[in-house]
Amino acid sequence: MPHDNDIASIRAMTNVAYVTEIMEFSRFGALSQVFVIEALTRYAATVAVACPEDLDTPGLSGAAWVGVAKEIDAKLTLKYGTREANG
């Protein structure tokens, strides 16, 4: 179990720093990077085809959420290609 100081340190990290921590410091090595990229790929693809109105909340525009998903999906496709192309 982490100590209170460890928890405070983690919570003080920026999101970018924390995602970097997740991807670079795993007891499973580079497999953590594959996991994060796979999670991003699946979630972005799912949200990109969602109905924006279904995702609207008082604090979040469904159209913006779908828009960012499409942007991330396009960037991932540019780097890694499509799932179909990769088997």
PDB file of N, CA and C in Angstrom:
ATOM      1  N   MET A   1       0.840  -1.180   0.000  1.00  0.00           N
ATOM      2  CA  MET A   1       0.000   0.000   0.000  1.00  0.00           C
ATOM      3  C   MET A   1       0.888   1.247   0.000  1.00  0.00           C
ATOM      4  N   PRO A   2       0.603   2.204  -0.907  1.00  0.00           N
ATOM      5  CA  PRO A   2       1.432   3.404  -0.955  1.00  0.00           C
ATOM      6  C   PRO A   2       1.285   4.264   0.305  1.00  0.00           C
ATOM      7  N   HIS A   3       2.344   4.962   0.627  1.00  0.00           N
ATOM      8  CA  HIS A   3       2.318   5.884   1.757  1.00  0.00           C
ATOM      9  C   HIS A   3       1.601   7.170   1.348  1.00  0.00           C
ATOM     10  N   ASP A   4       1.158   7.950   2.337  1.00  0.00           N
ATOM     11  CA  ASP A   4       0.468   9.208   2.065  1.00  0.00           C
ATOM     12  C   ASP A   4       1.313  10.142   1.207  1.00  0.00           C
ATOM     13  N   ASN A   5       2.630  10.174   1.457  1.00  0.00           N
ATOM     14  CA  ASN A   5       3.514  11.026   0.664  1.00  0.00           C
ATOM     15  C   ASN A   5       3.552  10.585  -0.795  1.00  0.00           C
ATOM     16  N   ASP A   6       3.534   9.272  -1.025  1.00  0.00           N
ATOM     17  CA  ASP A   6       3.527   8.751  -2.388  1.00  0.00           C
ATOM     18  C   ASP A   6       2.234   9.138  -3.101  1.00  0.00           C
ATOM     19  N   ILE A   7       1.119   9.030  -2.412  1.00  0.00           N
ATOM     20  CA  ILE A   7      -0.179   9.373  -2.995  1.00  0.00           C
ATOM     21  C   ILE A   7      -0.216  10.858  -3.334  1.00  0.00           C
ATOM     22  N   ALA A   8       0.252  11.707  -2.428  1.00  0.00           N
ATOM     23  CA  ALA A   8       0.277  13.148  -2.680  1.00  0.00           C
ATOM     24  C   ALA A   8       1.163  13.469  -3.872  1.00  0.00           C
ATOM     25  N   SER A   9       2.288  12.794  -3.994  1.00  0.00           N
ATOM     26  CA  SER A   9       3.201  13.019  -5.108  1.00  0.00           C
ATOM     27  C   SER A   9       2.550  12.631  -6.432  1.00  0.00           C
ATOM     28  N   ILE A  10       1.869  11.515  -6.440  1.00  0.00           N
ATOM     29  CA  ILE A  10       1.187  11.050  -7.646  1.00  0.00           C
ATOM     30  C   ILE A  10       0.072  12.020  -8.023  1.00  0.00           C
ATOM     31  N   ARG A  11      -0.707  12.436  -7.051  1.00  0.00           N
ATOM     32  CA  ARG A  11      -1.825  13.345  -7.336  1.00  0.00           C
ATOM     33  C   ARG A  11      -1.350  14.714  -7.806  1.00  0.00           C
ATOM     34  N   ALA A  12      -0.130  15.093  -7.465  1.00  0.00           N
ATOM     35  CA  ALA A  12       0.413  16.386  -7.887  1.00  0.00           C
ATOM     36  C   ALA A  12       0.938  16.349  -9.321  1.00  0.00           C
ATOM     37  N   MET A  13       1.101  15.161  -9.896  1.00  0.00           N
ATOM     38  CA  MET A  13       1.630  15.031 -11.256  1.00  0.00           C
ATOM     39  C   MET A  13       0.611  15.550 -12.269  1.00  0.00           C
ATOM     40  N   THR A  14       1.126  16.106 -13.352  1.00  0.00           N
ATOM     41  CA  THR A  14       0.241  16.458 -14.461  1.00  0.00           C
ATOM     42  C   THR A  14      -0.245  15.165 -15.114  1.00  0.00           C
ATOM     43  N   ASN A  15      -1.304  15.259 -15.891  1.00  0.00           N
ATOM     44  CA  ASN A  15      -1.798  14.084 -16.605  1.00  0.00           C
ATOM     45  C   ASN A  15      -0.743  13.527 -17.550  1.00  0.00           C
ATOM     46  N   VAL A  16      -0.029  14.419 -18.225  1.00  0.00           N
ATOM     47  CA  VAL A  16       1.016  13.987 -19.163  1.00  0.00           C
ATOM     48  C   VAL A  16       2.112  13.236 -18.414  1.00  0.00           C
ATOM     49  N   ALA A  17       2.544  13.773 -17.296  1.00  0.00           N
ATOM     50  CA  ALA A  17       3.584  13.109 -16.505  1.00  0.00           C
ATOM     51  C   ALA A  17       3.099  11.758 -15.997  1.00  0.00           C
ATOM     52  N   TYR A  18       1.841  11.686 -15.600  1.00  0.00           N
ATOM     53  CA  TYR A  18       1.330  10.432 -15.051  1.00  0.00           C
ATOM     54  C   TYR A  18       1.173   9.369 -16.136  1.00  0.00           C
ATOM     55  N   VAL A  19       0.707   9.759 -17.314  1.00  0.00           N
ATOM     56  CA  VAL A  19       0.610   8.788 -18.407  1.00  0.00           C
ATOM     57  C   VAL A  19       2.005   8.309 -18.800  1.00  0.00           C
ATOM     58  N   THR A  20       2.965   9.222 -18.798  1.00  0.00           N
ATOM     59  CA  THR A  20       4.354   8.831 -19.062  1.00  0.00           C
ATOM     60  C   THR A  20       4.830   7.834 -18.009  1.00  0.00           C
ATOM     61  N   GLU A  21       4.523   8.091 -16.765  1.00  0.00           N
ATOM     62  CA  GLU A  21       4.867   7.174 -15.661  1.00  0.00           C
ATOM     63  C   GLU A  21       4.269   5.787 -15.908  1.00  0.00           C
ATOM     64  N   ILE A  22       3.000   5.765 -16.283  1.00  0.00           N
ATOM     65  CA  ILE A  22       2.326   4.487 -16.549  1.00  0.00           C
ATOM     66  C   ILE A  22       3.008   3.743 -17.694  1.00  0.00           C
ATOM     67  N   MET A  23       3.352   4.470 -18.742  1.00  0.00           N
ATOM     68  CA  MET A  23       3.915   3.828 -19.931  1.00  0.00           C
ATOM     69  C   MET A  23       5.385   3.441 -19.787  1.00  0.00           C
ATOM     70  N   GLU A  24       6.140   4.166 -18.987  1.00  0.00           N
ATOM     71  CA  GLU A  24       7.580   3.924 -18.934  1.00  0.00           C
ATOM     72  C   GLU A  24       8.060   3.133 -17.720  1.00  0.00           C
ATOM     73  N   PHE A  25       7.264   3.068 -16.689  1.00  0.00           N
ATOM     74  CA  PHE A  25       7.734   2.416 -15.470  1.00  0.00           C
ATOM     75  C   PHE A  25       6.750   1.331 -15.033  1.00  0.00           C
ATOM     76  N   SER A  26       6.835   0.215 -15.712  1.00  0.00           N
ATOM     77  CA  SER A  26       5.978  -0.928 -15.421  1.00  0.00           C
ATOM     78  C   SER A  26       6.848  -2.153 -15.198  1.00  0.00           C
ATOM     79  N   ARG A  27       6.429  -2.995 -14.304  1.00  0.00           N
ATOM     80  CA  ARG A  27       7.172  -4.244 -14.113  1.00  0.00           C
ATOM     81  C   ARG A  27       7.016  -5.165 -15.321  1.00  0.00           C
ATOM     82  N   PHE A  28       6.088  -4.813 -16.229  1.00  0.00           N
ATOM     83  CA  PHE A  28       5.881  -5.586 -17.452  1.00  0.00           C
ATOM     84  C   PHE A  28       6.592  -4.964 -18.651  1.00  0.00           C
ATOM     85  N   GLY A  29       7.408  -3.962 -18.400  1.00  0.00           N
ATOM     86  CA  GLY A  29       8.186  -3.333 -19.462  1.00  0.00           C
ATOM     87  C   GLY A  29       7.322  -2.662 -20.506  1.00  0.00           C
ATOM     88  N   ALA A  30       7.735  -2.791 -21.753  1.00  0.00           N
ATOM     89  CA  ALA A  30       7.068  -2.108 -22.860  1.00  0.00           C
ATOM     90  C   ALA A  30       5.640  -2.590 -23.093  1.00  0.00           C
ATOM     91  N   LEU A  31       5.249  -3.701 -22.507  1.00  0.00           N
ATOM     92  CA  LEU A  31       3.877  -4.173 -22.656  1.00  0.00           C
ATOM     93  C   LEU A  31       2.888  -3.122 -22.151  1.00  0.00           C
ATOM     94  N   SER A  32       3.289  -2.321 -21.173  1.00  0.00           N
ATOM     95  CA  SER A  32       2.395  -1.268 -20.682  1.00  0.00           C
ATOM     96  C   SER A  32       2.124  -0.237 -21.774  1.00  0.00           C
ATOM     97  N   GLN A  33       3.105   0.026 -22.629  1.00  0.00           N
ATOM     98  CA  GLN A  33       2.886   0.963 -23.731  1.00  0.00           C
ATOM     99  C   GLN A  33       1.883   0.397 -24.724  1.00  0.00           C
ATOM    100  N   VAL A  34       2.006  -0.871 -25.030  1.00  0.00           N
ATOM    101  CA  VAL A  34       1.064  -1.522 -25.937  1.00  0.00           C
ATOM    102  C   VAL A  34      -0.346  -1.451 -25.348  1.00  0.00           C
ATOM    103  N   PHE A  35      -0.454  -1.681 -24.049  1.00  0.00           N
ATOM    104  CA  PHE A  35      -1.757  -1.644 -23.388  1.00  0.00           C
ATOM    105  C   PHE A  35      -2.404  -0.266 -23.510  1.00  0.00           C
ATOM    106  N   VAL A  36      -1.636   0.783 -23.235  1.00  0.00           N
ATOM    107  CA  VAL A  36      -2.168   2.152 -23.287  1.00  0.00           C
ATOM    108  C   VAL A  36      -2.582   2.512 -24.711  1.00  0.00           C
ATOM    109  N   ILE A  37      -1.760   2.188 -25.695  1.00  0.00           N
ATOM    110  CA  ILE A  37      -2.095   2.485 -27.089  1.00  0.00           C
ATOM    111  C   ILE A  37      -3.330   1.702 -27.516  1.00  0.00           C
ATOM    112  N   GLU A  38      -3.427   0.454 -27.120  1.00  0.00           N
ATOM    113  CA  GLU A  38      -4.608  -0.367 -27.446  1.00  0.00           C
ATOM    114  C   GLU A  38      -5.865   0.220 -26.807  1.00  0.00           C
ATOM    115  N   ALA A  39      -5.761   0.648 -25.562  1.00  0.00           N
ATOM    116  CA  ALA A  39      -6.912   1.252 -24.875  1.00  0.00           C
ATOM    117  C   ALA A  39      -7.342   2.534 -25.577  1.00  0.00           C
ATOM    118  N   LEU A  40      -6.388   3.377 -25.933  1.00  0.00           N
ATOM    119  CA  LEU A  40      -6.707   4.606 -26.666  1.00  0.00           C
ATOM    120  C   LEU A  40      -7.367   4.290 -28.006  1.00  0.00           C
ATOM    121  N   THR A  41      -6.815   3.323 -28.703  1.00  0.00           N
ATOM    122  CA  THR A  41      -7.345   2.951 -30.016  1.00  0.00           C
ATOM    123  C   THR A  41      -8.784   2.481 -29.912  1.00  0.00           C
ATOM    124  N   ARG A  42      -9.054   1.592 -28.983  1.00  0.00           N
ATOM    125  CA  ARG A  42     -10.413   1.059 -28.843  1.00  0.00           C
ATOM    126  C   ARG A  42     -11.403   2.127 -28.399  1.00  0.00           C
ATOM    127  N   TYR A  43     -11.032   2.933 -27.417  1.00  0.00           N
ATOM    128  CA  TYR A  43     -11.964   3.926 -26.905  1.00  0.00           C
ATOM    129  C   TYR A  43     -12.202   5.026 -27.936  1.00  0.00           C
ATOM    130  N   ALA A  44     -11.147   5.497 -28.594  1.00  0.00           N
ATOM    131  CA  ALA A  44     -11.317   6.538 -29.606  1.00  0.00           C
ATOM    132  C   ALA A  44     -12.205   6.049 -30.745  1.00  0.00           C
ATOM    133  N   ALA A  45     -11.996   4.826 -31.196  1.00  0.00           N
ATOM    134  CA  ALA A  45     -12.814   4.275 -32.282  1.00  0.00           C
ATOM    135  C   ALA A  45     -14.277   4.155 -31.871  1.00  0.00           C
ATOM    136  N   THR A  46     -14.525   3.754 -30.641  1.00  0.00           N
ATOM    137  CA  THR A  46     -15.898   3.611 -30.151  1.00  0.00           C
ATOM    138  C   THR A  46     -16.589   4.965 -30.049  1.00  0.00           C
ATOM    139  N   VAL A  47     -15.927   5.933 -29.462  1.00  0.00           N
ATOM    140  CA  VAL A  47     -16.532   7.256 -29.261  1.00  0.00           C
ATOM    141  C   VAL A  47     -16.669   7.996 -30.595  1.00  0.00           C
ATOM    142  N   ALA A  48     -15.741   7.792 -31.518  1.00  0.00           N
ATOM    143  CA  ALA A  48     -15.764   8.495 -32.801  1.00  0.00           C
ATOM    144  C   ALA A  48     -17.039   8.227 -33.594  1.00  0.00           C
ATOM    145  N   VAL A  49     -17.655   7.085 -33.394  1.00  0.00           N
ATOM    146  CA  VAL A  49     -18.874   6.745 -34.132  1.00  0.00           C
ATOM    147  C   VAL A  49     -20.141   6.890 -33.289  1.00  0.00           C
ATOM    148  N   ALA A  50     -19.992   7.386 -32.083  1.00  0.00           N
ATOM    149  CA  ALA A  50     -21.148   7.557 -31.189  1.00  0.00           C
ATOM    150  C   ALA A  50     -21.987   8.755 -31.625  1.00  0.00           C
ATOM    151  N   CYS A  51     -23.220   8.758 -31.214  1.00  0.00           N
ATOM    152  CA  CYS A  51     -24.111   9.888 -31.434  1.00  0.00           C
ATOM    153  C   CYS A  51     -23.744  10.974 -30.413  1.00  0.00           C
ATOM    154  N   PRO A  52     -23.338  12.150 -30.859  1.00  0.00           N
ATOM    155  CA  PRO A  52     -22.909  13.192 -29.917  1.00  0.00           C
ATOM    156  C   PRO A  52     -23.957  13.532 -28.851  1.00  0.00           C
ATOM    157  N   GLU A  53     -25.209  13.544 -29.231  1.00  0.00           N
ATOM    158  CA  GLU A  53     -26.265  13.881 -28.274  1.00  0.00           C
ATOM    159  C   GLU A  53     -26.336  12.874 -27.130  1.00  0.00           C
ATOM    160  N   ASP A  54     -25.966  11.642 -27.403  1.00  0.00           N
ATOM    161  CA  ASP A  54     -25.972  10.608 -26.361  1.00  0.00           C
ATOM    162  C   ASP A  54     -24.881  10.848 -25.320  1.00  0.00           C
ATOM    163  N   LEU A  55     -23.896  11.640 -25.674  1.00  0.00           N
ATOM    164  CA  LEU A  55     -22.765  11.883 -24.783  1.00  0.00           C
ATOM    165  C   LEU A  55     -22.830  13.241 -24.081  1.00  0.00           C
ATOM    166  N   ASP A  56     -23.827  14.043 -24.429  1.00  0.00           N
ATOM    167  CA  ASP A  56     -23.980  15.348 -23.793  1.00  0.00           C
ATOM    168  C   ASP A  56     -24.244  15.205 -22.299  1.00  0.00           C
ATOM    169  N   THR A  57     -23.568  16.015 -21.508  1.00  0.00           N
ATOM    170  CA  THR A  57     -23.826  16.141 -20.077  1.00  0.00           C
ATOM    171  C   THR A  57     -23.748  17.627 -19.746  1.00  0.00           C
ATOM    172  N   PRO A  58     -24.185  18.026 -18.570  1.00  0.00           N
ATOM    173  CA  PRO A  58     -24.096  19.447 -18.229  1.00  0.00           C
ATOM    174  C   PRO A  58     -22.671  20.010 -18.318  1.00  0.00           C
ATOM    175  N   GLY A  59     -21.672  19.188 -18.091  1.00  0.00           N
ATOM    176  CA  GLY A  59     -20.301  19.679 -18.112  1.00  0.00           C
ATOM    177  C   GLY A  59     -19.502  19.285 -19.335  1.00  0.00           C
ATOM    178  N   LEU A  60     -20.134  18.597 -20.297  1.00  0.00           N
ATOM    179  CA  LEU A  60     -19.387  18.086 -21.438  1.00  0.00           C
ATOM    180  C   LEU A  60     -20.248  18.094 -22.686  1.00  0.00           C
ATOM    181  N   SER A  61     -19.719  18.671 -23.736  1.00  0.00           N
ATOM    182  CA  SER A  61     -20.392  18.655 -25.026  1.00  0.00           C
ATOM    183  C   SER A  61     -20.114  17.326 -25.712  1.00  0.00           C
ATOM    184  N   GLY A  62     -21.163  16.600 -26.038  1.00  0.00           N
ATOM    185  CA  GLY A  62     -20.994  15.340 -26.749  1.00  0.00           C
ATOM    186  C   GLY A  62     -20.309  15.534 -28.087  1.00  0.00           C
ATOM    187  N   ALA A  63     -20.615  16.650 -28.763  1.00  0.00           N
ATOM    188  CA  ALA A  63     -19.978  16.927 -30.059  1.00  0.00           C
ATOM    189  C   ALA A  63     -18.468  17.120 -29.897  1.00  0.00           C
ATOM    190  N   ALA A  64     -18.064  17.793 -28.836  1.00  0.00           N
ATOM    191  CA  ALA A  64     -16.630  17.981 -28.592  1.00  0.00           C
ATOM    192  C   ALA A  64     -15.965  16.651 -28.260  1.00  0.00           C
ATOM    193  N   TRP A  65     -16.648  15.816 -27.471  1.00  0.00           N
ATOM    194  CA  TRP A  65     -16.105  14.513 -27.085  1.00  0.00           C
ATOM    195  C   TRP A  65     -15.916  13.634 -28.320  1.00  0.00           C
ATOM    196  N   VAL A  66     -16.909  13.626 -29.197  1.00  0.00           N
ATOM    197  CA  VAL A  66     -16.806  12.858 -30.445  1.00  0.00           C
ATOM    198  C   VAL A  66     -15.718  13.464 -31.326  1.00  0.00           C
ATOM    199  N   GLY A  67     -15.639  14.783 -31.357  1.00  0.00           N
ATOM    200  CA  GLY A  67     -14.614  15.452 -32.160  1.00  0.00           C
ATOM    201  C   GLY A  67     -13.211  15.089 -31.729  1.00  0.00           C
ATOM    202  N   VAL A  68     -12.956  15.108 -30.426  1.00  0.00           N
ATOM    203  CA  VAL A  68     -11.613  14.758 -29.947  1.00  0.00           C
ATOM    204  C   VAL A  68     -11.337  13.275 -30.187  1.00  0.00           C
ATOM    205  N   ALA A  69     -12.362  12.444 -30.082  1.00  0.00           N
ATOM    206  CA  ALA A  69     -12.181  11.016 -30.369  1.00  0.00           C
ATOM    207  C   ALA A  69     -11.783  10.804 -31.829  1.00  0.00           C
ATOM    208  N   LYS A  70     -12.426  11.529 -32.730  1.00  0.00           N
ATOM    209  CA  LYS A  70     -12.081  11.414 -34.159  1.00  0.00           C
ATOM    210  C   LYS A  70     -10.659  11.891 -34.413  1.00  0.00           C
ATOM    211  N   GLU A  71     -10.278  12.977 -33.742  1.00  0.00           N
ATOM    212  CA  GLU A  71      -8.917  13.501 -33.901  1.00  0.00           C
ATOM    213  C   GLU A  71      -7.878  12.490 -33.421  1.00  0.00           C
ATOM    214  N   ILE A  72      -8.103  11.924 -32.252  1.00  0.00           N
ATOM    215  CA  ILE A  72      -7.166  10.938 -31.692  1.00  0.00           C
ATOM    216  C   ILE A  72      -7.158   9.676 -32.554  1.00  0.00           C
ATOM    217  N   ASP A  73      -8.335   9.242 -33.000  1.00  0.00           N
ATOM    218  CA  ASP A  73      -8.429   8.062 -33.863  1.00  0.00           C
ATOM    219  C   ASP A  73      -7.623   8.280 -35.145  1.00  0.00           C
ATOM    220  N   ALA A  74      -7.725   9.466 -35.731  1.00  0.00           N
ATOM    221  CA  ALA A  74      -6.986   9.767 -36.958  1.00  0.00           C
ATOM    222  C   ALA A  74      -5.479   9.762 -36.705  1.00  0.00           C
ATOM    223  N   LYS A  75      -5.054  10.318 -35.578  1.00  0.00           N
ATOM    224  CA  LYS A  75      -3.624  10.329 -35.256  1.00  0.00           C
ATOM    225  C   LYS A  75      -3.093   8.913 -35.028  1.00  0.00           C
ATOM    226  N   LEU A  76      -3.876   8.094 -34.352  1.00  0.00           N
ATOM    227  CA  LEU A  76      -3.453   6.710 -34.110  1.00  0.00           C
ATOM    228  C   LEU A  76      -3.401   5.923 -35.417  1.00  0.00           C
ATOM    229  N   THR A  77      -4.377   6.158 -36.292  1.00  0.00           N
ATOM    230  CA  THR A  77      -4.393   5.485 -37.588  1.00  0.00           C
ATOM    231  C   THR A  77      -3.197   5.907 -38.430  1.00  0.00           C
ATOM    232  N   LEU A  78      -2.854   7.195 -38.379  1.00  0.00           N
ATOM    233  CA  LEU A  78      -1.697   7.678 -39.117  1.00  0.00           C
ATOM    234  C   LEU A  78      -0.421   6.973 -38.670  1.00  0.00           C
ATOM    235  N   LYS A  79      -0.257   6.815 -37.378  1.00  0.00           N
ATOM    236  CA  LYS A  79       0.960   6.183 -36.846  1.00  0.00           C
ATOM    237  C   LYS A  79       0.956   4.665 -36.987  1.00  0.00           C
ATOM    238  N   TYR A  80      -0.178   4.043 -36.661  1.00  0.00           N
ATOM    239  CA  TYR A  80      -0.213   2.567 -36.558  1.00  0.00           C
ATOM    240  C   TYR A  80      -0.991   1.878 -37.667  1.00  0.00           C
ATOM    241  N   GLY A  81      -1.668   2.631 -38.509  1.00  0.00           N
ATOM    242  CA  GLY A  81      -2.511   2.033 -39.539  1.00  0.00           C
ATOM    243  C   GLY A  81      -3.837   1.581 -38.946  1.00  0.00           C
ATOM    244  N   THR A  82      -4.622   0.915 -39.760  1.00  0.00           N
ATOM    245  CA  THR A  82      -5.924   0.439 -39.295  1.00  0.00           C
ATOM    246  C   THR A  82      -5.783  -0.961 -38.705  1.00  0.00           C
ATOM    247  N   ARG A  83      -6.709  -1.307 -37.862  1.00  0.00           N
ATOM    248  CA  ARG A  83      -6.726  -2.642 -37.260  1.00  0.00           C
ATOM    249  C   ARG A  83      -6.811  -3.703 -38.352  1.00  0.00           C
ATOM    250  N   GLU A  84      -7.652  -3.452 -39.376  1.00  0.00           N
ATOM    251  CA  GLU A  84      -7.832  -4.405 -40.465  1.00  0.00           C
ATOM    252  C   GLU A  84      -6.507  -4.617 -41.208  1.00  0.00           C
ATOM    253  N   ALA A  85      -5.769  -3.525 -41.415  1.00  0.00           N
ATOM    254  CA  ALA A  85      -4.506  -3.629 -42.147  1.00  0.00           C
ATOM    255  C   ALA A  85      -3.433  -4.368 -41.353  1.00  0.00           C
ATOM    256  N   ASN A  86      -3.578  -4.334 -40.031  1.00  0.00           N
ATOM    257  CA  ASN A  86      -2.575  -4.977 -39.170  1.00  0.00           C
ATOM    258  C   ASN A  86      -2.959  -6.394 -38.754  1.00  0.00           C
ATOM    259  N   GLY A  87      -4.090  -6.862 -39.233  1.00  0.00           N
ATOM    260  CA  GLY A  87      -4.492  -8.228 -38.914  1.00  0.00           C
ATOM    261  C   GLY A  87      -5.202  -8.258 -37.659  1.00  0.00           C
TER     262      GLY A  87
END
